[in-house]
Amino acid sequence: MYLEFFGLTEKPFNILPDPDFFYLSQWHQQALTHIEYGLMNGDSLILLTGDAGTGKTSLIYKLVQDRSEDTIVGVIFNSAVGGDHIVEMILTELEVELPEKSTPASCLDALHQFLLDVYSKGEKKVLLIMDEAQNLSDDALEQLRMISNLQAGKENLISILMVGQSGFRSRLRKARYSQIVQRIVVSAHLSRLRDQEVTEYIHYRLRQGGAADPQSILTDEAVGAVNSFSYGIPRNINVICEGALIYGFADDIRPVTAEVVETFARERIDEGLLTVPESSCDIAEEAQSQYIKELEMRIASLEASMGIVKRTLVKIIKAVKRNNGKG
């Protein structure tokens, strides 16, 4: 509708996830690094949390796209299911034939056999992504814990990425979830975009949509207004920018001004249609602290590995010298 008016080739602020429009903020980069490390390490349970609209689903699509060649990926978007049916749903998503008489036990056996077959071929790993994990029942969480225990020797047969809203992290702190928490080695949290990242996000998506000069579409003041009303939440940014472009087109305003943005944003706020963040900065600080802690663990692990390599080389050199001496 407004594409020709603003000189665009695609809608830049579609709220549906699109890997081509995926903006990699600091938090998204950290989350991807965490997840990739967990997959490379063969961790059985990985946790990703974030407020609604912070880009968790977009990150899932990005991950599926990046891992499609070397990983069998199953994604379950509807996690509001009981423990009796979760394994059956997983089998269906992974395109595994269901047992003739589907029971939780028979489905778990079928999944175990499938994972062993994949492992024996040595070609791909298996990743299960559980979106909206905060909706998982206690029984379903217990089933996931049991699945995460499936191993061949000392190696895990499957990695499970649980993706949920910020409250899910708080829920897992309760004592009754201690067994599943103990298996979560890697976790990450998506926080709201910082001021500069909001500007970069808007300009990036406008360029992806075909804009030669983003500032000829949205003024700097308009971008500042988007930042103020969006709370730095990507979904809010998309909604506000999309609405502002429509309003600008309707009123023949180009570039879109801060006044246009404010008019649209205040209407959405009055209607209760903008996402308000549920978490405060303490989760972001916790995520940062966890990130530093995990980096320190990786460095320590690398240093230990280097020590082993060094000692091994010393032994080899000594053995070679002894053999040469005998000769």
Protein backbone atom coordinates (compact mmCIF):
# COMPACT_ATOMS: atom_id res chain seq x y z
CA MET A 1 0.00 0.00 0.00
CA TYR A 2 2.73 2.49 0.99
CA LEU A 3 5.69 0.76 -0.69
CA GLU A 4 5.83 2.92 -3.81
CA PHE A 5 5.20 6.11 -1.82
CA PHE A 6 8.29 5.48 0.35
CA GLY A 7 10.39 3.82 -2.36
CA LEU A 8 10.37 0.38 -0.73
CA THR A 9 10.31 -3.07 -2.32
CA GLU A 10 9.11 -5.04 0.74
CA LYS A 11 7.28 -4.28 3.96
CA PRO A 12 10.13 -3.70 6.42
CA PHE A 13 8.17 -4.08 9.64
CA ASN A 14 6.16 -7.25 9.18
CA ILE A 15 5.60 -8.76 12.63
CA LEU A 16 5.92 -12.31 11.27
CA PRO A 17 9.43 -13.77 11.75
CA ASP A 18 11.61 -13.48 8.65
CA PRO A 19 15.31 -14.54 8.75
CA ASP A 20 16.08 -12.00 5.99
CA PHE A 21 15.03 -9.17 8.34
CA PHE A 22 16.64 -10.64 11.46
CA TYR A 23 18.63 -7.98 13.33
CA LEU A 24 21.42 -9.39 15.49
CA SER A 25 21.53 -7.28 18.66
CA GLN A 26 24.05 -7.87 21.44
CA TRP A 27 21.51 -10.00 23.31
CA HIS A 28 20.60 -12.03 20.24
CA GLN A 29 24.27 -12.61 19.45
CA GLN A 30 24.95 -13.74 23.02
CA ALA A 31 21.93 -16.06 22.92
CA LEU A 32 23.03 -17.61 19.61
CA THR A 33 26.56 -18.05 20.97
CA HIS A 34 25.19 -19.76 24.08
CA ILE A 35 22.93 -22.06 22.08
CA GLU A 36 25.58 -22.94 19.50
CA TYR A 37 28.01 -23.73 22.32
CA GLY A 38 25.42 -25.95 23.99
CA LEU A 39 24.73 -27.82 20.74
CA MET A 40 28.42 -28.22 19.96
CA ASN A 41 28.99 -29.51 23.48
CA GLY A 42 26.06 -31.93 23.20
CA ASP A 43 24.21 -30.44 26.18
CA SER A 44 20.81 -32.06 26.70
CA LEU A 45 18.89 -29.02 28.01
CA ILE A 46 19.31 -25.39 26.99
CA LEU A 47 17.17 -22.48 28.22
CA LEU A 48 16.26 -19.26 26.40
CA THR A 49 13.94 -16.70 27.98
CA GLY A 50 12.78 -13.18 27.22
CA ASP A 51 9.79 -10.87 27.47
CA ALA A 52 7.04 -11.18 24.87
CA GLY A 53 8.09 -9.57 21.61
CA THR A 54 11.85 -9.57 22.21
CA GLY A 55 12.55 -11.85 19.25
CA LYS A 56 12.60 -15.39 20.66
CA THR A 57 10.61 -16.85 17.76
CA SER A 58 12.74 -14.94 15.23
CA LEU A 59 15.80 -16.47 16.87
CA ILE A 60 14.23 -19.93 16.51
CA TYR A 61 13.70 -19.40 12.77
CA LYS A 62 17.29 -18.16 12.42
CA LEU A 63 18.56 -21.21 14.28
CA VAL A 64 16.52 -23.62 12.17
CA GLN A 65 17.83 -21.98 9.00
CA ASP A 66 21.46 -22.12 10.15
CA ARG A 67 21.33 -25.72 11.44
CA SER A 68 19.26 -27.32 8.67
CA GLU A 69 22.19 -29.11 7.01
CA ASP A 70 23.79 -30.84 9.99
CA THR A 71 20.90 -31.12 12.44
CA ILE A 72 17.46 -32.71 12.50
CA VAL A 73 15.37 -29.94 14.02
CA GLY A 74 11.88 -30.31 15.44
CA VAL A 75 9.95 -27.26 16.64
CA ILE A 76 6.85 -27.44 18.81
CA PHE A 77 5.07 -24.09 19.03
CA ASN A 78 2.07 -25.31 21.04
CA SER A 79 3.51 -26.43 24.36
CA ALA A 80 0.20 -26.38 26.23
CA VAL A 81 -0.05 -30.17 26.25
CA GLY A 82 -0.20 -32.78 28.98
CA GLY A 83 2.60 -35.16 29.84
CA ASP A 84 0.71 -38.10 28.33
CA HIS A 85 0.84 -36.57 24.85
CA ILE A 86 4.11 -34.63 24.72
CA VAL A 87 6.25 -37.54 23.49
CA GLU A 88 3.69 -38.43 20.82
CA MET A 89 3.76 -34.81 19.65
CA ILE A 90 7.57 -34.91 19.51
CA LEU A 91 7.50 -38.09 17.40
CA THR A 92 5.06 -36.47 14.98
CA GLU A 93 7.21 -33.34 14.69
CA LEU A 94 10.35 -35.42 14.02
CA GLU A 95 8.38 -37.48 11.44
CA VAL A 96 8.82 -40.72 13.36
CA GLU A 97 6.20 -43.43 12.88
CA LEU A 98 4.00 -43.80 15.93
CA PRO A 99 3.69 -47.19 17.67
CA GLU A 100 0.52 -49.16 16.90
CA LYS A 101 -0.64 -48.73 20.48
CA SER A 102 0.55 -45.28 21.48
CA THR A 103 1.24 -45.00 25.18
CA PRO A 104 3.74 -42.67 26.88
CA ALA A 105 6.07 -45.65 27.41
CA SER A 106 5.83 -47.01 23.86
CA CYS A 107 6.28 -43.53 22.38
CA LEU A 108 9.35 -42.96 24.54
CA ASP A 109 10.78 -46.30 23.35
CA ALA A 110 10.12 -45.31 19.73
CA LEU A 111 11.84 -41.96 20.26
CA HIS A 112 14.80 -43.64 21.93
CA GLN A 113 15.20 -46.04 19.01
CA PHE A 114 14.98 -43.20 16.50
CA LEU A 115 17.67 -41.24 18.34
CA LEU A 116 19.92 -44.29 18.49
CA ASP A 117 19.51 -44.83 14.73
CA VAL A 118 20.45 -41.20 14.03
CA TYR A 119 23.41 -41.42 16.41
CA SER A 120 24.70 -44.64 14.85
CA LYS A 121 24.84 -43.00 11.41
CA GLY A 122 26.99 -40.20 12.84
CA GLU A 123 25.80 -37.69 10.25
CA LYS A 124 23.46 -35.39 12.16
CA LYS A 125 22.47 -34.28 15.62
CA VAL A 126 18.90 -33.91 16.86
CA LEU A 127 17.56 -30.65 18.26
CA LEU A 128 14.09 -30.26 19.74
CA ILE A 129 12.86 -26.69 20.27
CA MET A 130 9.98 -26.20 22.69
CA ASP A 131 8.52 -22.72 22.14
CA GLU A 132 6.25 -21.08 24.73
CA ALA A 133 7.80 -23.41 27.31
CA GLN A 134 6.14 -21.47 30.13
CA ASN A 135 2.92 -23.29 29.13
CA LEU A 136 4.40 -26.74 29.75
CA SER A 137 2.66 -28.67 32.51
CA ASP A 138 4.68 -30.23 35.31
CA ASP A 139 4.10 -33.67 33.79
CA ALA A 140 5.32 -32.47 30.38
CA LEU A 141 8.43 -30.97 31.97
CA GLU A 142 9.12 -34.30 33.67
CA GLN A 143 8.79 -36.09 30.32
CA LEU A 144 11.30 -33.66 28.81
CA ARG A 145 13.66 -34.36 31.69
CA MET A 146 13.40 -38.08 31.00
CA ILE A 147 14.04 -37.51 27.28
CA SER A 148 17.08 -35.41 28.13
CA ASN A 149 18.48 -38.45 29.98
CA LEU A 150 18.60 -40.57 26.82
CA GLN A 151 22.21 -41.37 26.06
CA ALA A 152 24.53 -43.60 24.04
CA GLY A 153 27.46 -44.29 26.31
CA LYS A 154 28.37 -40.90 27.74
CA GLU A 155 26.89 -38.85 24.88
CA ASN A 156 23.46 -37.26 24.92
CA LEU A 157 21.23 -38.31 22.04
CA ILE A 158 19.21 -35.12 21.83
CA SER A 159 19.46 -31.44 22.73
CA ILE A 160 16.28 -29.73 23.93
CA LEU A 161 16.02 -25.95 23.69
CA MET A 162 13.27 -24.64 25.98
CA VAL A 163 12.14 -21.16 24.90
CA GLY A 164 9.87 -19.27 27.26
CA GLN A 165 8.86 -15.91 28.65
CA SER A 166 10.72 -14.33 31.56
CA GLY A 167 8.37 -15.80 34.15
CA PHE A 168 9.41 -19.32 33.13
CA ARG A 169 12.87 -18.71 34.56
CA SER A 170 11.30 -17.70 37.88
CA ARG A 171 9.09 -20.79 37.83
CA LEU A 172 12.10 -23.07 37.40
CA ARG A 173 13.71 -21.66 40.55
CA LYS A 174 11.16 -23.53 42.66
CA ALA A 175 12.50 -26.55 44.51
CA ARG A 176 10.30 -29.10 42.72
CA TYR A 177 12.06 -28.33 39.44
CA SER A 178 15.56 -28.89 40.81
CA GLN A 179 16.15 -32.08 38.82
CA ILE A 180 15.43 -30.46 35.47
CA VAL A 181 17.37 -27.29 36.40
CA GLN A 182 20.43 -29.39 37.21
CA ARG A 183 20.51 -30.54 33.59
CA ILE A 184 20.43 -27.00 32.18
CA VAL A 185 24.08 -26.22 31.51
CA VAL A 186 23.56 -23.28 29.14
CA SER A 187 20.98 -20.51 29.43
CA ALA A 188 20.42 -17.09 27.87
CA HIS A 189 17.99 -14.20 28.23
CA LEU A 190 16.86 -11.74 25.55
CA SER A 191 16.61 -8.23 26.95
CA ARG A 192 15.14 -5.11 25.38
CA LEU A 193 17.15 -3.22 22.78
CA ARG A 194 19.26 -0.29 23.88
CA ASP A 195 18.69 3.19 22.41
CA GLN A 196 21.38 2.86 19.74
CA GLU A 197 20.22 -0.64 18.88
CA VAL A 198 16.67 0.62 18.30
CA THR A 199 18.03 3.08 15.72
CA GLU A 200 20.18 0.38 14.11
CA TYR A 201 17.24 -2.03 14.10
CA ILE A 202 14.93 0.42 12.33
CA HIS A 203 17.54 1.46 9.77
CA TYR A 204 18.54 -2.16 9.12
CA ARG A 205 14.98 -3.26 8.43
CA LEU A 206 14.31 -0.25 6.21
CA ARG A 207 17.39 -1.07 4.15
CA GLN A 208 16.32 -4.70 3.92
CA GLY A 209 12.99 -3.40 2.65
CA GLY A 210 14.70 -1.51 -0.15
CA ALA A 211 15.34 1.94 1.36
CA ALA A 212 18.45 3.67 0.04
CA ASP A 213 18.32 6.26 2.83
CA PRO A 214 16.35 5.30 5.97
CA GLN A 215 16.35 8.89 7.20
CA SER A 216 14.36 9.91 4.12
CA ILE A 217 11.54 7.69 5.43
CA LEU A 218 11.72 8.21 9.20
CA THR A 219 13.33 11.32 10.68
CA ASP A 220 15.80 10.98 13.57
CA GLU A 221 13.15 12.51 15.84
CA ALA A 222 10.63 9.93 14.65
CA VAL A 223 13.07 7.14 15.45
CA GLY A 224 13.56 8.66 18.89
CA ALA A 225 9.80 8.66 19.42
CA VAL A 226 9.62 4.99 18.40
CA ASN A 227 12.32 4.25 20.96
CA SER A 228 10.38 6.04 23.70
CA PHE A 229 7.05 4.31 23.05
CA SER A 230 8.36 0.82 22.21
CA TYR A 231 10.29 0.05 25.42
CA GLY A 232 12.99 -1.29 23.07
CA ILE A 233 10.85 -4.36 22.31
CA PRO A 234 11.25 -5.41 18.64
CA ARG A 235 7.58 -6.38 18.22
CA ASN A 236 6.49 -2.95 19.50
CA ILE A 237 8.98 -1.28 17.16
CA ASN A 238 7.52 -3.17 14.21
CA VAL A 239 3.95 -2.32 15.17
CA ILE A 240 4.68 1.38 15.72
CA CYS A 241 6.79 1.79 12.57
CA GLU A 242 4.26 -0.06 10.42
CA GLY A 243 1.43 2.10 11.74
CA ALA A 244 3.47 5.29 11.35
CA LEU A 245 4.24 4.44 7.71
CA ILE A 246 0.53 3.85 7.02
CA TYR A 247 -0.41 7.14 8.71
CA GLY A 248 2.35 8.98 6.83
CA PHE A 249 1.15 7.55 3.53
CA ALA A 250 -2.47 8.42 4.28
CA ASP A 251 -1.58 12.04 5.15
CA ASP A 252 1.07 12.41 2.41
CA ILE A 253 3.85 12.97 4.96
CA ARG A 254 7.38 12.00 3.91
CA PRO A 255 9.59 11.54 5.82
CA VAL A 256 7.46 10.39 8.74
CA THR A 257 7.76 12.78 11.69
CA ALA A 258 7.82 12.27 15.44
CA GLU A 259 4.29 13.70 15.64
CA VAL A 260 2.98 10.95 13.34
CA VAL A 261 4.70 8.30 15.44
CA GLU A 262 3.33 9.76 18.67
CA THR A 263 -0.22 9.95 17.33
CA PHE A 264 -0.23 6.29 16.32
CA ALA A 265 1.61 5.05 19.44
CA ARG A 266 -0.73 6.85 21.85
CA GLU A 267 -3.74 5.34 20.09
CA ARG A 268 -2.27 1.85 20.51
CA ILE A 269 -1.48 2.52 24.16
CA ASP A 270 -5.04 3.72 24.82
CA GLU A 271 -6.32 0.52 23.21
CA GLY A 272 -3.93 -1.61 25.29
CA LEU A 273 -2.28 -2.99 22.16
CA LEU A 274 1.38 -2.34 22.93
CA THR A 275 3.44 -4.91 24.83
CA VAL A 276 4.59 -3.75 28.26
CA PRO A 277 7.73 -5.55 29.49
CA GLU A 278 7.15 -7.91 32.40
CA SER A 279 10.74 -8.13 33.59
CA SER A 280 13.05 -5.54 35.03
CA CYS A 281 16.74 -5.03 34.38
CA ASP A 282 17.75 -7.52 37.09
CA ILE A 283 17.16 -10.42 34.69
CA ALA A 284 19.36 -8.73 32.10
CA GLU A 285 22.05 -8.27 34.74
CA GLU A 286 21.64 -11.90 35.76
CA ALA A 287 21.99 -12.98 32.13
CA GLN A 288 25.13 -10.87 31.76
CA SER A 289 26.59 -12.38 34.93
CA GLN A 290 25.74 -15.88 33.72
CA TYR A 291 27.34 -15.11 30.34
CA ILE A 292 30.59 -14.01 32.03
CA LYS A 293 30.54 -17.07 34.27
CA GLU A 294 30.13 -19.41 31.30
CA LEU A 295 32.92 -17.64 29.41
CA GLU A 296 35.20 -18.16 32.40
CA MET A 297 34.23 -21.86 32.46
CA ARG A 298 35.01 -22.21 28.75
CA ILE A 299 38.38 -20.48 29.18
CA ALA A 300 39.22 -22.76 32.11
CA SER A 301 38.21 -25.77 30.02
CA LEU A 302 40.40 -24.62 27.12
CA GLU A 303 43.33 -24.00 29.48
CA ALA A 304 42.93 -27.51 30.93
CA SER A 305 42.82 -28.97 27.43
CA MET A 306 45.97 -27.06 26.46
CA GLY A 307 47.68 -28.39 29.57
CA ILE A 308 46.83 -31.95 28.59
CA VAL A 309 48.10 -31.36 25.04
CA LYS A 310 51.34 -29.83 26.39
CA ARG A 311 51.99 -32.76 28.73
CA THR A 312 51.25 -35.23 25.94
CA LEU A 313 53.71 -33.48 23.60
CA VAL A 314 56.40 -33.50 26.30
CA LYS A 315 55.94 -37.26 26.74
CA ILE A 316 56.12 -37.82 22.98
CA ILE A 317 59.31 -35.73 22.69
CA LYS A 318 60.94 -37.62 25.57
CA ALA A 319 59.96 -40.96 24.03
CA VAL A 320 61.42 -39.91 20.65
CA LYS A 321 64.67 -38.81 22.31
CA ARG A 322 64.95 -42.12 24.17
CA ASN A 323 64.40 -44.08 20.95
CA ASN A 324 67.00 -41.95 19.15
CA GLY A 325 69.45 -42.53 22.00
CA LYS A 326 68.99 -46.29 21.74
CA GLY A 327 69.61 -46.09 17.99
